[in-house]
């Protein structure tokens, strides 16, 4: 079976674009609507979403959260919006239109594939979480 190199490389581009330990948490919370950064931080901490591919279970620090949020803004995953009609001005974040489009129309096939191959995914995740196996594939 021959594959189109551009299709495979594009798939890896997509995977890399969404990487970051706290990216899924922020996307999940912002999928419910725009939010100020402090409220977003508190909501991410309160939800305590399971990180399937990480062995650490410590809550996100403010510094790590802000670094992730700014990287997501840089990578056009979220938009930083200012409401200058208030004093002091309000700054809030929301998912970018392209992320909203992706979530609404392009995730179903991948989610179904993962569901069909859940045992494989779980085995791979467990192996990668074993000591000395920290994501050697990315080296």
N, C-alpha and C. Protein backbone atom coordinates (compact mmCIF):
# COMPACT_ATOMS: atom_id res chain seq x y z
N UNK A 1 0.85 -1.17 0.00
CA UNK A 1 0.00 0.00 0.00
C UNK A 1 0.90 1.24 0.00
N UNK A 2 0.86 1.97 -1.04
CA UNK A 2 1.61 3.22 -1.13
C UNK A 2 0.77 4.35 -0.56
N UNK A 3 1.42 5.27 0.13
CA UNK A 3 0.71 6.41 0.67
C UNK A 3 1.28 7.69 0.09
N UNK A 4 0.47 8.70 0.07
CA UNK A 4 0.90 10.01 -0.40
C UNK A 4 1.69 10.67 0.72
N UNK A 5 2.95 10.97 0.46
CA UNK A 5 3.81 11.56 1.48
C UNK A 5 3.22 12.85 2.02
N UNK A 6 2.61 13.66 1.19
CA UNK A 6 2.03 14.93 1.64
C UNK A 6 0.90 14.69 2.64
N UNK A 7 0.10 13.65 2.43
CA UNK A 7 -0.98 13.34 3.37
C UNK A 7 -0.41 12.97 4.74
N UNK A 8 0.61 12.14 4.75
CA UNK A 8 1.22 11.72 6.03
C UNK A 8 1.86 12.92 6.71
N UNK A 9 2.61 13.73 5.97
CA UNK A 9 3.26 14.90 6.56
C UNK A 9 2.23 15.91 7.06
N UNK A 10 1.12 16.06 6.34
CA UNK A 10 0.07 16.97 6.78
C UNK A 10 -0.57 16.48 8.07
N UNK A 11 -0.75 15.18 8.18
CA UNK A 11 -1.31 14.61 9.42
C UNK A 11 -0.38 14.91 10.59
N UNK A 12 0.93 14.74 10.41
CA UNK A 12 1.88 15.04 11.48
C UNK A 12 1.92 16.54 11.78
N UNK A 13 1.74 17.38 10.77
CA UNK A 13 1.64 18.82 11.02
C UNK A 13 0.48 19.10 11.97
N UNK A 14 -0.64 18.47 11.72
CA UNK A 14 -1.83 18.66 12.56
C UNK A 14 -1.56 18.20 13.99
N UNK A 15 -0.96 17.03 14.14
CA UNK A 15 -0.66 16.50 15.46
C UNK A 15 0.27 17.45 16.21
N UNK A 16 1.31 17.91 15.57
CA UNK A 16 2.27 18.81 16.22
C UNK A 16 1.64 20.15 16.58
N UNK A 17 0.73 20.64 15.75
CA UNK A 17 0.11 21.94 15.96
C UNK A 17 -0.69 21.95 17.25
N UNK A 18 -1.30 20.83 17.61
CA UNK A 18 -2.14 20.75 18.81
C UNK A 18 -1.40 20.22 20.03
N UNK A 19 -0.09 20.10 19.99
CA UNK A 19 0.63 19.51 21.11
C UNK A 19 0.82 20.49 22.25
N UNK A 20 0.99 19.93 23.42
CA UNK A 20 1.20 20.69 24.64
C UNK A 20 0.35 20.08 25.74
N UNK A 21 0.93 19.88 26.90
CA UNK A 21 0.22 19.18 27.97
C UNK A 21 -1.12 19.83 28.31
N UNK A 22 -1.18 21.14 28.35
CA UNK A 22 -2.40 21.82 28.80
C UNK A 22 -3.29 22.28 27.65
N UNK A 23 -2.87 22.05 26.41
CA UNK A 23 -3.67 22.46 25.25
C UNK A 23 -5.06 21.82 25.24
N UNK A 24 -5.18 20.50 25.45
CA UNK A 24 -6.53 19.92 25.45
C UNK A 24 -7.45 20.53 26.51
N UNK A 25 -6.91 20.77 27.70
CA UNK A 25 -7.71 21.35 28.78
C UNK A 25 -8.27 22.71 28.37
N UNK A 26 -7.40 23.54 27.82
CA UNK A 26 -7.80 24.89 27.42
C UNK A 26 -8.83 24.83 26.30
N UNK A 27 -8.62 23.94 25.32
CA UNK A 27 -9.58 23.80 24.23
C UNK A 27 -10.93 23.33 24.75
N UNK A 28 -10.92 22.35 25.66
CA UNK A 28 -12.17 21.83 26.21
C UNK A 28 -12.94 22.93 26.92
N UNK A 29 -12.26 23.71 27.75
CA UNK A 29 -12.95 24.77 28.49
C UNK A 29 -13.42 25.88 27.54
N UNK A 30 -12.57 26.31 26.62
CA UNK A 30 -12.96 27.39 25.71
C UNK A 30 -14.01 26.96 24.70
N UNK A 31 -14.21 25.65 24.52
CA UNK A 31 -15.25 25.20 23.59
C UNK A 31 -16.64 25.61 24.09
N UNK A 32 -16.72 25.97 25.37
CA UNK A 32 -17.99 26.41 25.95
C UNK A 32 -18.21 27.91 25.80
N UNK A 33 -17.18 28.63 25.30
CA UNK A 33 -17.33 30.06 25.05
C UNK A 33 -16.15 30.85 25.56
N UNK A 34 -16.07 32.14 25.18
CA UNK A 34 -14.95 33.00 25.57
C UNK A 34 -14.84 33.11 27.09
N UNK A 35 -13.61 33.36 27.55
CA UNK A 35 -13.38 33.43 28.99
C UNK A 35 -12.15 34.29 29.27
N UNK A 36 -12.21 35.02 30.37
CA UNK A 36 -11.05 35.79 30.82
C UNK A 36 -9.98 34.82 31.31
N UNK A 37 -8.72 35.22 31.20
CA UNK A 37 -7.63 34.29 31.48
C UNK A 37 -7.66 33.76 32.91
N UNK A 38 -7.96 34.60 33.89
CA UNK A 38 -8.02 34.12 35.28
C UNK A 38 -9.13 33.09 35.46
N UNK A 39 -10.29 33.36 34.88
CA UNK A 39 -11.40 32.42 34.96
C UNK A 39 -11.05 31.12 34.23
N UNK A 40 -10.40 31.25 33.09
CA UNK A 40 -9.98 30.08 32.32
C UNK A 40 -8.98 29.24 33.13
N UNK A 41 -8.00 29.90 33.73
CA UNK A 41 -7.02 29.20 34.58
C UNK A 41 -7.71 28.44 35.70
N UNK A 42 -8.60 29.12 36.42
CA UNK A 42 -9.31 28.47 37.53
C UNK A 42 -10.16 27.30 37.06
N UNK A 43 -10.81 27.46 35.93
CA UNK A 43 -11.66 26.38 35.40
C UNK A 43 -10.81 25.17 34.99
N UNK A 44 -9.67 25.41 34.36
CA UNK A 44 -8.78 24.31 33.97
C UNK A 44 -8.32 23.56 35.22
N UNK A 45 -7.94 24.29 36.25
CA UNK A 45 -7.49 23.64 37.50
C UNK A 45 -8.61 22.87 38.17
N UNK A 46 -9.81 23.43 38.20
CA UNK A 46 -10.94 22.79 38.87
C UNK A 46 -11.39 21.52 38.16
N UNK A 47 -11.34 21.52 36.85
CA UNK A 47 -11.83 20.35 36.10
C UNK A 47 -10.94 19.14 36.26
N UNK A 48 -9.64 19.35 36.44
CA UNK A 48 -8.71 18.25 36.67
C UNK A 48 -8.89 17.15 35.62
N UNK A 49 -8.81 17.52 34.35
CA UNK A 49 -9.01 16.60 33.24
C UNK A 49 -7.87 15.59 33.19
N UNK A 50 -8.21 14.33 32.99
CA UNK A 50 -7.20 13.26 32.94
C UNK A 50 -6.28 13.47 31.75
N UNK A 51 -4.98 13.44 32.02
CA UNK A 51 -3.99 13.54 30.95
C UNK A 51 -3.52 12.13 30.63
N UNK A 52 -4.04 11.59 29.59
CA UNK A 52 -3.79 10.19 29.26
C UNK A 52 -2.35 9.90 28.91
N UNK A 53 -1.63 10.86 28.33
CA UNK A 53 -0.28 10.59 27.85
C UNK A 53 0.79 11.16 28.77
N UNK A 54 0.42 11.60 29.93
CA UNK A 54 1.38 12.19 30.86
C UNK A 54 1.37 11.39 32.16
N UNK A 55 2.56 11.21 32.74
CA UNK A 55 2.63 10.49 34.01
C UNK A 55 2.43 11.44 35.18
N UNK A 56 2.62 12.73 34.98
CA UNK A 56 2.46 13.70 36.06
C UNK A 56 0.99 14.04 36.27
N UNK A 57 0.61 14.20 37.51
CA UNK A 57 -0.78 14.55 37.77
C UNK A 57 -0.92 15.83 38.60
N UNK A 58 0.15 16.61 38.66
CA UNK A 58 0.11 17.88 39.41
C UNK A 58 -0.76 18.87 38.64
N UNK A 59 -1.49 19.72 39.36
CA UNK A 59 -2.30 20.74 38.68
C UNK A 59 -1.40 21.75 37.96
N UNK A 60 -1.95 22.36 36.96
CA UNK A 60 -1.20 23.33 36.17
C UNK A 60 -0.83 24.54 37.04
N UNK A 61 0.40 25.01 36.88
CA UNK A 61 0.83 26.24 37.56
C UNK A 61 0.41 27.43 36.71
N UNK A 62 0.32 28.58 37.34
CA UNK A 62 -0.06 29.81 36.61
C UNK A 62 0.96 30.09 35.49
N UNK A 63 2.25 29.90 35.79
CA UNK A 63 3.29 30.17 34.80
C UNK A 63 3.17 29.23 33.59
N UNK A 64 2.97 27.95 33.85
CA UNK A 64 2.83 26.97 32.77
C UNK A 64 1.56 27.24 31.97
N UNK A 65 0.49 27.59 32.67
CA UNK A 65 -0.77 27.90 32.00
C UNK A 65 -0.60 29.09 31.06
N UNK A 66 -0.01 30.18 31.55
CA UNK A 66 0.15 31.38 30.73
C UNK A 66 1.09 31.14 29.55
N UNK A 67 2.14 30.36 29.78
CA UNK A 67 3.06 30.03 28.69
C UNK A 67 2.30 29.24 27.60
N UNK A 68 1.47 28.29 28.02
CA UNK A 68 0.69 27.51 27.07
C UNK A 68 -0.32 28.39 26.35
N UNK A 69 -1.02 29.24 27.09
CA UNK A 69 -2.03 30.11 26.48
C UNK A 69 -1.39 31.05 25.46
N UNK A 70 -0.25 31.62 25.78
CA UNK A 70 0.43 32.52 24.83
C UNK A 70 0.94 31.76 23.61
N UNK A 71 1.41 30.52 23.80
CA UNK A 71 1.84 29.70 22.67
C UNK A 71 0.64 29.37 21.78
N UNK A 72 -0.50 29.10 22.40
CA UNK A 72 -1.71 28.81 21.62
C UNK A 72 -2.16 30.04 20.84
N UNK A 73 -1.99 31.20 21.42
CA UNK A 73 -2.32 32.45 20.71
C UNK A 73 -1.36 32.62 19.53
N UNK A 74 -0.08 32.42 19.77
CA UNK A 74 0.93 32.53 18.70
C UNK A 74 0.63 31.57 17.57
N UNK A 75 0.19 30.34 17.93
CA UNK A 75 -0.06 29.30 16.93
C UNK A 75 -1.48 29.35 16.36
N UNK A 76 -2.22 30.40 16.70
CA UNK A 76 -3.56 30.67 16.18
C UNK A 76 -4.59 29.61 16.56
N UNK A 77 -4.39 29.01 17.73
CA UNK A 77 -5.38 28.09 18.27
C UNK A 77 -6.44 28.86 19.06
N UNK A 78 -6.03 29.96 19.69
CA UNK A 78 -6.95 30.82 20.43
C UNK A 78 -6.75 32.26 20.00
N UNK A 79 -7.76 33.06 20.23
CA UNK A 79 -7.69 34.49 19.95
C UNK A 79 -7.74 35.25 21.27
N UNK A 80 -6.93 36.28 21.38
CA UNK A 80 -6.95 37.19 22.53
C UNK A 80 -7.79 38.39 22.11
N UNK A 81 -8.83 38.66 22.85
CA UNK A 81 -9.75 39.74 22.51
C UNK A 81 -9.79 40.75 23.65
N UNK A 82 -9.88 42.03 23.30
CA UNK A 82 -9.94 43.09 24.29
C UNK A 82 -11.27 43.81 24.19
N UNK A 83 -11.87 44.05 25.34
CA UNK A 83 -13.11 44.83 25.42
C UNK A 83 -12.74 46.16 26.07
N UNK A 84 -12.54 47.18 25.23
CA UNK A 84 -12.13 48.49 25.72
C UNK A 84 -13.31 49.33 26.20
N UNK A 85 -14.51 48.79 26.12
CA UNK A 85 -15.67 49.54 26.58
C UNK A 85 -15.78 49.51 28.11
N UNK A 86 -14.98 48.70 28.75
CA UNK A 86 -15.01 48.59 30.21
C UNK A 86 -13.75 49.22 30.78
N UNK A 87 -13.85 49.67 32.01
CA UNK A 87 -12.68 50.23 32.68
C UNK A 87 -12.54 49.53 34.03
N UNK A 88 -11.48 48.80 34.28
CA UNK A 88 -10.37 48.56 33.35
C UNK A 88 -10.82 47.64 32.21
N UNK A 89 -10.05 47.70 31.13
CA UNK A 89 -10.42 46.91 29.95
C UNK A 89 -10.42 45.43 30.28
N UNK A 90 -11.27 44.71 29.63
CA UNK A 90 -11.38 43.26 29.84
C UNK A 90 -10.66 42.54 28.70
N UNK A 91 -9.84 41.57 29.05
CA UNK A 91 -9.17 40.74 28.06
C UNK A 91 -9.70 39.32 28.23
N UNK A 92 -10.12 38.73 27.15
CA UNK A 92 -10.62 37.37 27.22
C UNK A 92 -10.08 36.57 26.04
N UNK A 93 -10.20 35.26 26.13
CA UNK A 93 -9.71 34.36 25.10
C UNK A 93 -10.86 33.52 24.58
N UNK A 94 -10.75 33.15 23.30
CA UNK A 94 -11.73 32.29 22.67
C UNK A 94 -11.03 31.41 21.65
N UNK A 95 -11.66 30.30 21.30
CA UNK A 95 -11.10 29.44 20.27
C UNK A 95 -11.10 30.18 18.94
N UNK A 96 -10.06 29.98 18.16
CA UNK A 96 -10.01 30.60 16.85
C UNK A 96 -11.05 29.93 15.94
N UNK A 97 -11.50 30.64 14.92
CA UNK A 97 -12.49 30.05 14.00
C UNK A 97 -12.01 28.74 13.37
N UNK A 98 -10.72 28.65 13.07
CA UNK A 98 -10.22 27.42 12.43
C UNK A 98 -10.26 26.24 13.39
N UNK A 99 -10.03 26.47 14.67
CA UNK A 99 -10.13 25.39 15.66
C UNK A 99 -11.60 25.00 15.84
N UNK A 100 -12.47 25.99 15.88
CA UNK A 100 -13.91 25.68 15.98
C UNK A 100 -14.36 24.84 14.78
N UNK A 101 -13.91 25.22 13.59
CA UNK A 101 -14.25 24.47 12.38
C UNK A 101 -13.72 23.04 12.47
N UNK A 102 -12.48 22.90 12.93
CA UNK A 102 -11.88 21.57 13.07
C UNK A 102 -12.68 20.71 14.04
N UNK A 103 -13.02 21.27 15.20
CA UNK A 103 -13.75 20.50 16.21
C UNK A 103 -15.15 20.12 15.73
N UNK A 104 -15.79 21.01 14.99
CA UNK A 104 -17.16 20.77 14.56
C UNK A 104 -17.25 19.82 13.37
N UNK A 105 -16.23 19.81 12.52
CA UNK A 105 -16.41 19.04 11.30
C UNK A 105 -15.35 18.03 10.94
N UNK A 106 -14.27 17.96 11.68
CA UNK A 106 -13.18 17.11 11.21
C UNK A 106 -12.63 16.14 12.25
N UNK A 107 -13.23 16.04 13.39
CA UNK A 107 -12.69 15.15 14.41
C UNK A 107 -13.39 13.81 14.49
N UNK A 108 -14.59 13.71 13.95
CA UNK A 108 -15.41 12.50 14.12
C UNK A 108 -14.68 11.24 13.63
N UNK A 109 -14.09 11.25 12.46
CA UNK A 109 -13.43 10.05 11.93
C UNK A 109 -12.27 9.63 12.82
N UNK A 110 -11.48 10.58 13.30
CA UNK A 110 -10.36 10.24 14.18
C UNK A 110 -10.85 9.68 15.51
N UNK A 111 -11.89 10.27 16.06
CA UNK A 111 -12.45 9.80 17.33
C UNK A 111 -12.98 8.37 17.16
N UNK A 112 -13.66 8.10 16.06
CA UNK A 112 -14.17 6.75 15.81
C UNK A 112 -13.03 5.75 15.64
N UNK A 113 -11.95 6.14 14.95
CA UNK A 113 -10.81 5.25 14.78
C UNK A 113 -10.18 4.92 16.13
N UNK A 114 -9.99 5.93 16.96
CA UNK A 114 -9.42 5.71 18.30
C UNK A 114 -10.32 4.78 19.11
N UNK A 115 -11.63 4.98 19.05
CA UNK A 115 -12.55 4.12 19.79
C UNK A 115 -12.43 2.67 19.33
N UNK A 116 -12.30 2.45 18.03
CA UNK A 116 -12.16 1.10 17.50
C UNK A 116 -10.83 0.45 17.89
N UNK A 117 -9.81 1.27 18.15
CA UNK A 117 -8.47 0.77 18.46
C UNK A 117 -8.04 1.14 19.88
N UNK A 118 -9.00 1.29 20.77
CA UNK A 118 -8.73 1.74 22.14
C UNK A 118 -7.71 0.85 22.85
N UNK A 119 -7.80 -0.47 22.69
CA UNK A 119 -6.85 -1.37 23.38
C UNK A 119 -5.42 -1.12 22.93
N UNK A 120 -5.22 -0.93 21.63
CA UNK A 120 -3.89 -0.62 21.10
C UNK A 120 -3.38 0.69 21.68
N UNK A 121 -4.21 1.72 21.64
CA UNK A 121 -3.83 3.04 22.14
C UNK A 121 -3.44 2.94 23.62
N UNK A 122 -4.24 2.23 24.40
CA UNK A 122 -3.95 2.08 25.84
C UNK A 122 -2.64 1.34 26.07
N UNK A 123 -2.37 0.27 25.28
CA UNK A 123 -1.09 -0.47 25.43
C UNK A 123 0.09 0.44 25.12
N UNK A 124 0.01 1.18 24.05
CA UNK A 124 1.11 2.08 23.66
C UNK A 124 1.33 3.13 24.73
N UNK A 125 0.24 3.70 25.23
CA UNK A 125 0.35 4.73 26.26
C UNK A 125 1.00 4.16 27.52
N UNK A 126 0.60 2.98 27.93
CA UNK A 126 1.20 2.35 29.11
C UNK A 126 2.69 2.10 28.92
N UNK A 127 3.07 1.61 27.74
CA UNK A 127 4.50 1.37 27.48
C UNK A 127 5.30 2.67 27.54
N UNK A 128 4.76 3.72 26.98
CA UNK A 128 5.48 5.01 26.98
C UNK A 128 5.60 5.61 28.37
N UNK A 129 4.72 5.22 29.27
CA UNK A 129 4.76 5.76 30.63
C UNK A 129 5.66 4.95 31.55
N UNK A 130 6.21 3.85 31.04
CA UNK A 130 7.15 3.06 31.84
C UNK A 130 8.45 3.84 31.99
N UNK A 131 9.13 3.69 33.14
CA UNK A 131 10.40 4.39 33.34
C UNK A 131 11.39 4.10 32.20
N UNK A 132 12.05 5.15 31.75
CA UNK A 132 13.02 5.02 30.67
C UNK A 132 12.41 5.02 29.28
N UNK A 133 11.11 5.14 29.19
CA UNK A 133 10.43 5.11 27.89
C UNK A 133 9.79 6.44 27.53
N UNK A 134 10.22 7.51 28.17
CA UNK A 134 9.56 8.80 27.96
C UNK A 134 9.70 9.28 26.54
N UNK A 135 8.73 8.89 25.75
CA UNK A 135 8.55 9.40 24.40
C UNK A 135 9.81 9.37 23.55
N UNK A 136 10.45 8.20 23.49
CA UNK A 136 11.63 8.05 22.65
C UNK A 136 11.34 8.28 21.19
N UNK A 137 10.09 8.10 20.78
CA UNK A 137 9.70 8.25 19.39
C UNK A 137 9.87 9.68 18.89
N UNK A 138 9.86 10.64 19.78
CA UNK A 138 9.96 12.04 19.35
C UNK A 138 11.41 12.50 19.23
N UNK A 139 12.35 11.66 19.60
CA UNK A 139 13.77 12.05 19.56
C UNK A 139 14.29 12.09 18.14
